[in-house]
Amino acid sequence: MQDDFRLRGQHRLWPKAMQRTKRLLKIVLGFTLLVIGVAMLVLPGPGWLTIGFGLVILAAEFIWARRLLNRLKEHAIKLGRSVS
């Protein structure tokens, strides 16, 4: 009977551990894309696009990333209007 109780307790811990692991992976991936994007600003590659993807991932976890992503969108829209 006690074995059943222990398994139930462990069963509840798995979803929290998985959520934390997913959150950590999102954060690591987001910051990695940001760093790679910044490097691509001086190296060949789509730097701003990579920075945007990194901010999209980080915006799910951090308010500052969401604000920065919104500013980046506004600047992209203004740039698009000025080009056409």
PDB file of N, CA and C in Angstrom:
ATOM      1  N   MET A   1       0.819  -1.190   0.000  1.00  0.00           N
ATOM      2  CA  MET A   1       0.000   0.000   0.000  1.00  0.00           C
ATOM      3  C   MET A   1       0.867   1.260   0.000  1.00  0.00           C
ATOM      4  N   GLN A   2       1.941   1.223   0.742  1.00  0.00           N
ATOM      5  CA  GLN A   2       2.807   2.404   0.752  1.00  0.00           C
ATOM      6  C   GLN A   2       3.488   2.609  -0.596  1.00  0.00           C
ATOM      7  N   ASP A   3       3.734   1.512  -1.319  1.00  0.00           N
ATOM      8  CA  ASP A   3       4.326   1.647  -2.643  1.00  0.00           C
ATOM      9  C   ASP A   3       3.406   2.434  -3.574  1.00  0.00           C
ATOM     10  N   ASP A   4       2.101   2.191  -3.459  1.00  0.00           N
ATOM     11  CA  ASP A   4       1.147   2.939  -4.272  1.00  0.00           C
ATOM     12  C   ASP A   4       1.190   4.420  -3.942  1.00  0.00           C
ATOM     13  N   PHE A   5       1.319   4.740  -2.670  1.00  0.00           N
ATOM     14  CA  PHE A   5       1.372   6.141  -2.252  1.00  0.00           C
ATOM     15  C   PHE A   5       2.613   6.824  -2.821  1.00  0.00           C
ATOM     16  N   ARG A   6       3.746   6.138  -2.778  1.00  0.00           N
ATOM     17  CA  ARG A   6       4.981   6.706  -3.310  1.00  0.00           C
ATOM     18  C   ARG A   6       4.881   6.934  -4.820  1.00  0.00           C
ATOM     19  N   LEU A   7       4.292   6.000  -5.519  1.00  0.00           N
ATOM     20  CA  LEU A   7       4.149   6.166  -6.964  1.00  0.00           C
ATOM     21  C   LEU A   7       3.240   7.330  -7.306  1.00  0.00           C
ATOM     22  N   ARG A   8       2.208   7.513  -6.535  1.00  0.00           N
ATOM     23  CA  ARG A   8       1.319   8.655  -6.792  1.00  0.00           C
ATOM     24  C   ARG A   8       2.055   9.970  -6.585  1.00  0.00           C
ATOM     25  N   GLY A   9       2.873  10.049  -5.556  1.00  0.00           N
ATOM     26  CA  GLY A   9       3.645  11.265  -5.309  1.00  0.00           C
ATOM     27  C   GLY A   9       4.636  11.539  -6.419  1.00  0.00           C
ATOM     28  N   GLN A  10       5.268  10.504  -6.928  1.00  0.00           N
ATOM     29  CA  GLN A  10       6.217  10.676  -8.025  1.00  0.00           C
ATOM     30  C   GLN A  10       5.491  11.055  -9.306  1.00  0.00           C
ATOM     31  N   HIS A  11       4.300  10.520  -9.470  1.00  0.00           N
ATOM     32  CA  HIS A  11       3.525  10.828 -10.669  1.00  0.00           C
ATOM     33  C   HIS A  11       3.198  12.321 -10.736  1.00  0.00           C
ATOM     34  N   ARG A  12       2.990  12.941  -9.605  1.00  0.00           N
ATOM     35  CA  ARG A  12       2.703  14.381  -9.587  1.00  0.00           C
ATOM     36  C   ARG A  12       3.941  15.214  -9.861  1.00  0.00           C
ATOM     37  N   LEU A  13       5.101  14.684  -9.513  1.00  0.00           N
ATOM     38  CA  LEU A  13       6.326  15.446  -9.716  1.00  0.00           C
ATOM     39  C   LEU A  13       6.743  15.484 -11.184  1.00  0.00           C
ATOM     40  N   TRP A  14       6.419  14.470 -11.961  1.00  0.00           N
ATOM     41  CA  TRP A  14       6.838  14.436 -13.356  1.00  0.00           C
ATOM     42  C   TRP A  14       6.328  15.617 -14.165  1.00  0.00           C
ATOM     43  N   PRO A  15       5.039  15.956 -14.076  1.00  0.00           N
ATOM     44  CA  PRO A  15       4.593  17.110 -14.883  1.00  0.00           C
ATOM     45  C   PRO A  15       5.329  18.400 -14.518  1.00  0.00           C
ATOM     46  N   LYS A  16       5.589  18.631 -13.233  1.00  0.00           N
ATOM     47  CA  LYS A  16       6.317  19.849 -12.853  1.00  0.00           C
ATOM     48  C   LYS A  16       7.746  19.803 -13.356  1.00  0.00           C
ATOM     49  N   ALA A  17       8.373  18.654 -13.260  1.00  0.00           N
ATOM     50  CA  ALA A  17       9.745  18.527 -13.746  1.00  0.00           C
ATOM     51  C   ALA A  17       9.788  18.729 -15.259  1.00  0.00           C
ATOM     52  N   MET A  18       8.803  18.197 -15.965  1.00  0.00           N
ATOM     53  CA  MET A  18       8.761  18.374 -17.416  1.00  0.00           C
ATOM     54  C   MET A  18       8.532  19.834 -17.782  1.00  0.00           C
ATOM     55  N   GLN A  19       7.656  20.511 -17.048  1.00  0.00           N
ATOM     56  CA  GLN A  19       7.412  21.931 -17.308  1.00  0.00           C
ATOM     57  C   GLN A  19       8.676  22.745 -17.090  1.00  0.00           C
ATOM     58  N   ARG A  20       9.379  22.455 -16.011  1.00  0.00           N
ATOM     59  CA  ARG A  20      10.621  23.185 -15.734  1.00  0.00           C
ATOM     60  C   ARG A  20      11.668  22.906 -16.803  1.00  0.00           C
ATOM     61  N   THR A  21      11.750  21.657 -17.236  1.00  0.00           N
ATOM     62  CA  THR A  21      12.718  21.299 -18.269  1.00  0.00           C
ATOM     63  C   THR A  21      12.384  21.999 -19.579  1.00  0.00           C
ATOM     64  N   LYS A  22      11.117  22.011 -19.958  1.00  0.00           N
ATOM     65  CA  LYS A  22      10.706  22.701 -21.184  1.00  0.00           C
ATOM     66  C   LYS A  22      11.001  24.191 -21.094  1.00  0.00           C
ATOM     67  N   ARG A  23      10.714  24.781 -19.938  1.00  0.00           N
ATOM     68  CA  ARG A  23      10.981  26.217 -19.764  1.00  0.00           C
ATOM     69  C   ARG A  23      12.473  26.505 -19.898  1.00  0.00           C
ATOM     70  N   LEU A  24      13.291  25.667 -19.266  1.00  0.00           N
ATOM     71  CA  LEU A  24      14.736  25.852 -19.344  1.00  0.00           C
ATOM     72  C   LEU A  24      15.229  25.710 -20.782  1.00  0.00           C
ATOM     73  N   LEU A  25      14.701  24.725 -21.497  1.00  0.00           N
ATOM     74  CA  LEU A  25      15.106  24.549 -22.891  1.00  0.00           C
ATOM     75  C   LEU A  25      14.687  25.734 -23.758  1.00  0.00           C
ATOM     76  N   LYS A  26      13.492  26.279 -23.512  1.00  0.00           N
ATOM     77  CA  LYS A  26      13.056  27.469 -24.254  1.00  0.00           C
ATOM     78  C   LYS A  26      13.989  28.642 -23.992  1.00  0.00           C
ATOM     79  N   ILE A  27      14.337  28.833 -22.741  1.00  0.00           N
ATOM     80  CA  ILE A  27      15.203  29.962 -22.381  1.00  0.00           C
ATOM     81  C   ILE A  27      16.580  29.800 -23.016  1.00  0.00           C
ATOM     82  N   VAL A  28      17.145  28.604 -22.922  1.00  0.00           N
ATOM     83  CA  VAL A  28      18.467  28.364 -23.501  1.00  0.00           C
ATOM     84  C   VAL A  28      18.426  28.542 -25.017  1.00  0.00           C
ATOM     85  N   LEU A  29      17.410  27.983 -25.667  1.00  0.00           N
ATOM     86  CA  LEU A  29      17.290  28.122 -27.122  1.00  0.00           C
ATOM     87  C   LEU A  29      17.098  29.580 -27.526  1.00  0.00           C
ATOM     88  N   GLY A  30      16.262  30.306 -26.794  1.00  0.00           N
ATOM     89  CA  GLY A  30      16.024  31.712 -27.106  1.00  0.00           C
ATOM     90  C   GLY A  30      17.278  32.556 -27.004  1.00  0.00           C
ATOM     91  N   PHE A  31      18.010  32.395 -25.902  1.00  0.00           N
ATOM     92  CA  PHE A  31      19.238  33.173 -25.743  1.00  0.00           C
ATOM     93  C   PHE A  31      20.310  32.746 -26.749  1.00  0.00           C
ATOM     94  N   THR A  32      20.348  31.461 -27.084  1.00  0.00           N
ATOM     95  CA  THR A  32      21.298  30.993 -28.088  1.00  0.00           C
ATOM     96  C   THR A  32      21.008  31.633 -29.439  1.00  0.00           C
ATOM     97  N   LEU A  33      19.734  31.687 -29.812  1.00  0.00           N
ATOM     98  CA  LEU A  33      19.372  32.339 -31.073  1.00  0.00           C
ATOM     99  C   LEU A  33      19.688  33.829 -31.044  1.00  0.00           C
ATOM    100  N   LEU A  34      19.484  34.461 -29.901  1.00  0.00           N
ATOM    101  CA  LEU A  34      19.841  35.886 -29.808  1.00  0.00           C
ATOM    102  C   LEU A  34      21.324  36.107 -30.031  1.00  0.00           C
ATOM    103  N   VAL A  35      22.150  35.303 -29.392  1.00  0.00           N
ATOM    104  CA  VAL A  35      23.602  35.457 -29.528  1.00  0.00           C
ATOM    105  C   VAL A  35      24.038  35.176 -30.962  1.00  0.00           C
ATOM    106  N   ILE A  36      23.498  34.116 -31.553  1.00  0.00           N
ATOM    107  CA  ILE A  36      23.844  33.794 -32.941  1.00  0.00           C
ATOM    108  C   ILE A  36      23.375  34.911 -33.874  1.00  0.00           C
ATOM    109  N   GLY A  37      22.186  35.456 -33.611  1.00  0.00           N
ATOM    110  CA  GLY A  37      21.675  36.551 -34.435  1.00  0.00           C
ATOM    111  C   GLY A  37      22.535  37.793 -34.350  1.00  0.00           C
ATOM    112  N   VAL A  38      22.973  38.119 -33.152  1.00  0.00           N
ATOM    113  CA  VAL A  38      23.854  39.283 -32.988  1.00  0.00           C
ATOM    114  C   VAL A  38      25.167  39.052 -33.730  1.00  0.00           C
ATOM    115  N   ALA A  39      25.690  37.833 -33.652  1.00  0.00           N
ATOM    116  CA  ALA A  39      26.923  37.529 -34.390  1.00  0.00           C
ATOM    117  C   ALA A  39      26.696  37.658 -35.891  1.00  0.00           C
ATOM    118  N   MET A  40      25.509  37.292 -36.349  1.00  0.00           N
ATOM    119  CA  MET A  40      25.219  37.365 -37.785  1.00  0.00           C
ATOM    120  C   MET A  40      25.031  38.795 -38.273  1.00  0.00           C
ATOM    121  N   LEU A  41      24.931  39.735 -37.375  1.00  0.00           N
ATOM    122  CA  LEU A  41      24.854  41.127 -37.824  1.00  0.00           C
ATOM    123  C   LEU A  41      26.160  41.560 -38.465  1.00  0.00           C
ATOM    124  N   VAL A  42      27.265  40.970 -38.027  1.00  0.00           N
ATOM    125  CA  VAL A  42      28.563  41.304 -38.625  1.00  0.00           C
ATOM    126  C   VAL A  42      29.085  40.168 -39.499  1.00  0.00           C
ATOM    127  N   LEU A  43      28.544  38.972 -39.327  1.00  0.00           N
ATOM    128  CA  LEU A  43      28.911  37.830 -40.158  1.00  0.00           C
ATOM    129  C   LEU A  43      27.805  37.604 -41.189  1.00  0.00           C
ATOM    130  N   PRO A  44      28.088  36.817 -42.216  1.00  0.00           N
ATOM    131  CA  PRO A  44      27.032  36.548 -43.192  1.00  0.00           C
ATOM    132  C   PRO A  44      25.913  35.702 -42.580  1.00  0.00           C
ATOM    133  N   GLY A  45      24.702  36.091 -42.874  1.00  0.00           N
ATOM    134  CA  GLY A  45      23.554  35.340 -42.375  1.00  0.00           C
ATOM    135  C   GLY A  45      22.402  36.269 -42.038  1.00  0.00           C
ATOM    136  N   PRO A  46      21.233  35.701 -41.814  1.00  0.00           N
ATOM    137  CA  PRO A  46      20.041  36.510 -41.511  1.00  0.00           C
ATOM    138  C   PRO A  46      19.983  36.883 -40.031  1.00  0.00           C
ATOM    139  N   GLY A  47      20.769  37.858 -39.639  1.00  0.00           N
ATOM    140  CA  GLY A  47      20.883  38.245 -38.240  1.00  0.00           C
ATOM    141  C   GLY A  47      19.592  38.707 -37.606  1.00  0.00           C
ATOM    142  N   TRP A  48      18.909  39.650 -38.265  1.00  0.00           N
ATOM    143  CA  TRP A  48      17.678  40.194 -37.680  1.00  0.00           C
ATOM    144  C   TRP A  48      16.583  39.143 -37.596  1.00  0.00           C
ATOM    145  N   LEU A  49      16.535  38.270 -38.579  1.00  0.00           N
ATOM    146  CA  LEU A  49      15.538  37.199 -38.558  1.00  0.00           C
ATOM    147  C   LEU A  49      15.800  36.231 -37.399  1.00  0.00           C
ATOM    148  N   THR A  50      17.059  35.902 -37.176  1.00  0.00           N
ATOM    149  CA  THR A  50      17.421  35.006 -36.081  1.00  0.00           C
ATOM    150  C   THR A  50      17.152  35.662 -34.733  1.00  0.00           C
ATOM    151  N   ILE A  51      17.440  36.947 -34.627  1.00  0.00           N
ATOM    152  CA  ILE A  51      17.126  37.679 -33.394  1.00  0.00           C
ATOM    153  C   ILE A  51      15.623  37.672 -33.159  1.00  0.00           C
ATOM    154  N   GLY A  52      14.855  37.851 -34.228  1.00  0.00           N
ATOM    155  CA  GLY A  52      13.396  37.807 -34.106  1.00  0.00           C
ATOM    156  C   GLY A  52      12.900  36.463 -33.608  1.00  0.00           C
ATOM    157  N   PHE A  53      13.441  35.373 -34.148  1.00  0.00           N
ATOM    158  CA  PHE A  53      13.041  34.046 -33.683  1.00  0.00           C
ATOM    159  C   PHE A  53      13.398  33.834 -32.215  1.00  0.00           C
ATOM    160  N   GLY A  54      14.575  34.317 -31.830  1.00  0.00           N
ATOM    161  CA  GLY A  54      14.974  34.203 -30.431  1.00  0.00           C
ATOM    162  C   GLY A  54      14.035  34.972 -29.517  1.00  0.00           C
ATOM    163  N   LEU A  55      13.630  36.163 -29.947  1.00  0.00           N
ATOM    164  CA  LEU A  55      12.705  36.960 -29.142  1.00  0.00           C
ATOM    165  C   LEU A  55      11.315  36.336 -29.084  1.00  0.00           C
ATOM    166  N   VAL A  56      10.892  35.696 -30.175  1.00  0.00           N
ATOM    167  CA  VAL A  56       9.588  35.018 -30.162  1.00  0.00           C
ATOM    168  C   VAL A  56       9.584  33.920 -29.102  1.00  0.00           C
ATOM    169  N   ILE A  57      10.650  33.166 -29.034  1.00  0.00           N
ATOM    170  CA  ILE A  57      10.735  32.091 -28.046  1.00  0.00           C
ATOM    171  C   ILE A  57      10.813  32.656 -26.629  1.00  0.00           C
ATOM    172  N   LEU A  58      11.620  33.693 -26.443  1.00  0.00           N
ATOM    173  CA  LEU A  58      11.775  34.279 -25.113  1.00  0.00           C
ATOM    174  C   LEU A  58      10.546  35.070 -24.675  1.00  0.00           C
ATOM    175  N   ALA A  59       9.765  35.573 -25.624  1.00  0.00           N
ATOM    176  CA  ALA A  59       8.577  36.363 -25.286  1.00  0.00           C
ATOM    177  C   ALA A  59       7.534  35.534 -24.550  1.00  0.00           C
ATOM    178  N   ALA A  60       7.574  34.229 -24.715  1.00  0.00           N
ATOM    179  CA  ALA A  60       6.650  33.365 -23.982  1.00  0.00           C
ATOM    180  C   ALA A  60       7.004  33.294 -22.505  1.00  0.00           C
ATOM    181  N   GLU A  61       8.240  33.662 -22.157  1.00  0.00           N
ATOM    182  CA  GLU A  61       8.699  33.543 -20.769  1.00  0.00           C
ATOM    183  C   GLU A  61       8.978  34.886 -20.097  1.00  0.00           C
ATOM    184  N   PHE A  62       9.361  35.896 -20.880  1.00  0.00           N
ATOM    185  CA  PHE A  62       9.807  37.160 -20.302  1.00  0.00           C
ATOM    186  C   PHE A  62       9.060  38.341 -20.912  1.00  0.00           C
ATOM    187  N   ILE A  63       8.664  39.279 -20.067  1.00  0.00           N
ATOM    188  CA  ILE A  63       7.956  40.475 -20.527  1.00  0.00           C
ATOM    189  C   ILE A  63       8.892  41.373 -21.332  1.00  0.00           C
ATOM    190  N   TRP A  64      10.144  41.510 -20.910  1.00  0.00           N
ATOM    191  CA  TRP A  64      11.075  42.378 -21.623  1.00  0.00           C
ATOM    192  C   TRP A  64      11.277  41.905 -23.056  1.00  0.00           C
ATOM    193  N   ALA A  65      11.262  40.603 -23.270  1.00  0.00           N
ATOM    194  CA  ALA A  65      11.426  40.090 -24.625  1.00  0.00           C
ATOM    195  C   ALA A  65      10.192  40.394 -25.469  1.00  0.00           C
ATOM    196  N   ARG A  66       9.020  40.325 -24.853  1.00  0.00           N
ATOM    197  CA  ARG A  66       7.775  40.640 -25.565  1.00  0.00           C
ATOM    198  C   ARG A  66       7.775  42.105 -25.977  1.00  0.00           C
ATOM    199  N   ARG A  67       8.203  42.989 -25.082  1.00  0.00           N
ATOM    200  CA  ARG A  67       8.258  44.424 -25.408  1.00  0.00           C
ATOM    201  C   ARG A  67       9.256  44.698 -26.525  1.00  0.00           C
ATOM    202  N   LEU A  68      10.414  44.063 -26.438  1.00  0.00           N
ATOM    203  CA  LEU A  68      11.439  44.252 -27.459  1.00  0.00           C
ATOM    204  C   LEU A  68      10.973  43.700 -28.807  1.00  0.00           C
ATOM    205  N   LEU A  69      10.273  42.578 -28.781  1.00  0.00           N
ATOM    206  CA  LEU A  69       9.719  42.007 -30.008  1.00  0.00           C
ATOM    207  C   LEU A  69       8.689  42.948 -30.621  1.00  0.00           C
ATOM    208  N   ASN A  70       7.844  43.558 -29.803  1.00  0.00           N
ATOM    209  CA  ASN A  70       6.858  44.515 -30.319  1.00  0.00           C
ATOM    210  C   ASN A  70       7.537  45.719 -30.954  1.00  0.00           C
ATOM    211  N   ARG A  71       8.609  46.206 -30.329  1.00  0.00           N
ATOM    212  CA  ARG A  71       9.350  47.329 -30.916  1.00  0.00           C
ATOM    213  C   ARG A  71       9.979  46.932 -32.243  1.00  0.00           C
ATOM    214  N   LEU A  72      10.515  45.722 -32.304  1.00  0.00           N
ATOM    215  CA  LEU A  72      11.116  45.235 -33.540  1.00  0.00           C
ATOM    216  C   LEU A  72      10.063  45.118 -34.640  1.00  0.00           C
ATOM    217  N   LYS A  73       8.870  44.661 -34.289  1.00  0.00           N
ATOM    218  CA  LYS A  73       7.777  44.577 -35.261  1.00  0.00           C
ATOM    219  C   LYS A  73       7.399  45.967 -35.778  1.00  0.00           C
ATOM    220  N   GLU A  74       7.310  46.941 -34.860  1.00  0.00           N
ATOM    221  CA  GLU A  74       6.952  48.306 -35.259  1.00  0.00           C
ATOM    222  C   GLU A  74       7.988  48.871 -36.235  1.00  0.00           C
ATOM    223  N   HIS A  75       9.263  48.657 -35.935  1.00  0.00           N
ATOM    224  CA  HIS A  75      10.309  49.153 -36.825  1.00  0.00           C
ATOM    225  C   HIS A  75      10.270  48.445 -38.172  1.00  0.00           C
ATOM    226  N   ALA A  76       9.974  47.165 -38.180  1.00  0.00           N
ATOM    227  CA  ALA A  76       9.879  46.424 -39.449  1.00  0.00           C
ATOM    228  C   ALA A  76       8.709  46.931 -40.274  1.00  0.00           C
ATOM    229  N   ILE A  77       7.595  47.238 -39.633  1.00  0.00           N
ATOM    230  CA  ILE A  77       6.430  47.763 -40.360  1.00  0.00           C
ATOM    231  C   ILE A  77       6.758  49.136 -40.943  1.00  0.00           C
ATOM    232  N   LYS A  78       7.404  49.994 -40.157  1.00  0.00           N
ATOM    233  CA  LYS A  78       7.790  51.322 -40.650  1.00  0.00           C
ATOM    234  C   LYS A  78       8.765  51.193 -41.825  1.00  0.00           C
ATOM    235  N   LEU A  79       9.706  50.280 -41.723  1.00  0.00           N
ATOM    236  CA  LEU A  79      10.670  50.068 -42.793  1.00  0.00           C
ATOM    237  C   LEU A  79       9.957  49.574 -44.057  1.00  0.00           C
ATOM    238  N   GLY A  80       9.019  48.676 -43.877  1.00  0.00           N
ATOM    239  CA  GLY A  80       8.254  48.165 -45.018  1.00  0.00           C
ATOM    240  C   GLY A  80       7.453  49.249 -45.705  1.00  0.00           C
ATOM    241  N   ARG A  81       6.860  50.142 -44.922  1.00  0.00           N
ATOM    242  CA  ARG A  81       6.080  51.244 -45.502  1.00  0.00           C
ATOM    243  C   ARG A  81       6.976  52.231 -46.248  1.00  0.00           C
ATOM    244  N   SER A  82       8.167  52.468 -45.701  1.00  0.00           N
ATOM    245  CA  SER A  82       9.053  53.445 -46.339  1.00  0.00           C
ATOM    246  C   SER A  82       9.659  52.892 -47.630  1.00  0.00           C
ATOM    247  N   VAL A  83       9.802  51.586 -47.725  1.00  0.00           N
ATOM    248  CA  VAL A  83      10.369  50.972 -48.915  1.00  0.00           C
ATOM    249  C   VAL A  83       9.357  50.962 -50.049  1.00  0.00           C
ATOM    250  N   SER A  84       8.093  50.678 -49.736  1.00  0.00           N
ATOM    251  CA  SER A  84       7.092  50.581 -50.814  1.00  0.00           C
ATOM    252  C   SER A  84       6.479  51.904 -51.176  1.00  0.00           C
TER     253      SER A  84
END
